[in-house]
Protein backbone atom coordinates (compact mmCIF):
# COMPACT_ATOMS: atom_id res chain seq x y z
CA MET A 1 1.12 -18.49 7.58
CA CYS A 2 -1.52 -18.57 4.84
CA GLU A 3 -0.89 -17.89 1.23
CA HIS A 4 -2.42 -14.34 1.61
CA GLU A 5 -0.39 -13.14 4.32
CA LEU A 6 2.73 -14.17 2.27
CA ILE A 7 1.38 -12.22 -0.77
CA ARG A 8 0.68 -9.30 1.82
CA ALA A 9 4.14 -9.60 3.16
CA THR A 10 5.65 -9.17 -0.28
CA LEU A 11 3.46 -6.24 -1.22
CA VAL A 12 3.64 -3.84 1.83
CA PRO A 13 7.32 -3.38 1.58
CA GLU A 14 6.61 -2.13 -2.37
CA ILE A 15 3.91 -0.09 -1.31
CA ALA A 16 5.85 1.58 1.38
CA LYS A 17 8.82 2.28 -1.06
CA LEU A 18 6.25 4.02 -3.41
CA ILE A 19 4.75 6.05 -0.72
CA ALA A 20 8.55 7.20 0.43
CA GLN A 21 9.17 8.24 -2.89
CA ARG A 22 5.85 10.06 -3.60
CA PHE A 23 6.13 11.96 -0.43
CA ALA A 24 9.87 12.23 0.02
CA ILE A 25 9.63 10.48 3.45
CA SER A 26 11.59 7.45 4.82
CA GLU A 27 10.37 4.15 4.38
CA ASP A 28 9.64 3.78 7.99
CA GLU A 29 7.19 6.68 8.09
CA ALA A 30 5.58 5.53 4.87
CA LEU A 31 5.00 2.00 6.27
CA SER A 32 3.55 4.00 9.43
CA ARG A 33 1.28 6.05 7.33
CA PHE A 34 0.22 3.19 5.16
CA TYR A 35 -0.73 0.88 8.12
CA LYS A 36 -2.96 3.50 9.76
CA SER A 37 -4.85 3.86 6.48
CA ALA A 38 -8.39 2.33 5.26
CA THR A 39 -6.37 0.93 2.35
CA ALA A 40 -4.05 -1.31 4.72
CA GLN A 41 -7.29 -2.40 6.35
CA ASN A 42 -8.76 -3.31 3.07
CA LEU A 43 -5.50 -5.25 2.20
CA ALA A 44 -5.71 -7.26 5.50
CA ASP A 45 -9.36 -8.02 4.87
CA GLU A 46 -9.47 -11.71 3.39
CA GLU A 47 -12.82 -11.02 1.71
CA TYR A 48 -11.91 -7.64 0.30
CA GLY A 49 -9.55 -9.32 -2.09
CA LEU A 50 -7.12 -6.56 -2.36
CA TYR A 51 -4.19 -8.91 -1.67
CA GLY A 52 -4.74 -10.01 -5.21
CA GLN A 53 -3.85 -6.74 -6.91
CA SER A 54 -0.34 -5.15 -7.61
CA ALA A 55 1.58 -2.87 -5.33
CA LEU A 56 0.94 -0.19 -7.87
CA PHE A 57 -2.58 -0.63 -7.73
CA ILE A 58 -3.00 -0.50 -3.96
CA PHE A 59 -0.58 2.38 -4.03
CA GLY A 60 -3.21 4.10 -6.07
CA GLN A 61 -5.88 3.34 -3.86
CA TYR A 62 -3.82 4.66 -1.02
CA LEU A 63 -3.42 8.04 -3.11
CA GLU A 64 -6.91 8.35 -3.74
CA GLU A 65 -7.76 7.58 0.01
CA VAL A 66 -5.37 10.64 1.06
CA GLY A 67 -6.70 12.96 -1.59
CA GLU A 68 -3.46 12.85 -3.75
CA PRO A 69 -3.67 13.06 -7.39
CA GLN A 70 -2.37 10.21 -9.40
CA ARG A 71 0.76 10.71 -11.54
CA PRO A 72 3.30 8.50 -12.91
CA VAL A 73 5.99 7.12 -10.59
CA PRO A 74 9.44 8.46 -11.22
C-alpha cells in the first residue's frame, strides 16, 4: 500500500460522515454517493493531488460538484 492510499483511507470515512450529516443520510449511502462522484475520482488520481487536502476541503469540492451551497458544518 502506498502512502497516498493510506491517506485516502483515512480521508474517505471523514468525508462520508460530513456528507451523511449534511444530507441526513446513512454513512453507507453517503459513501456510495461519494464513490460515484467526480470528486472521488479526483481523489483517486495521483496526479490530481487532492489526497493532499483536508477532508473538509474535499467535502467542499463534493458540495460544489452536486450543486449544494457551502455553509458551516454543524
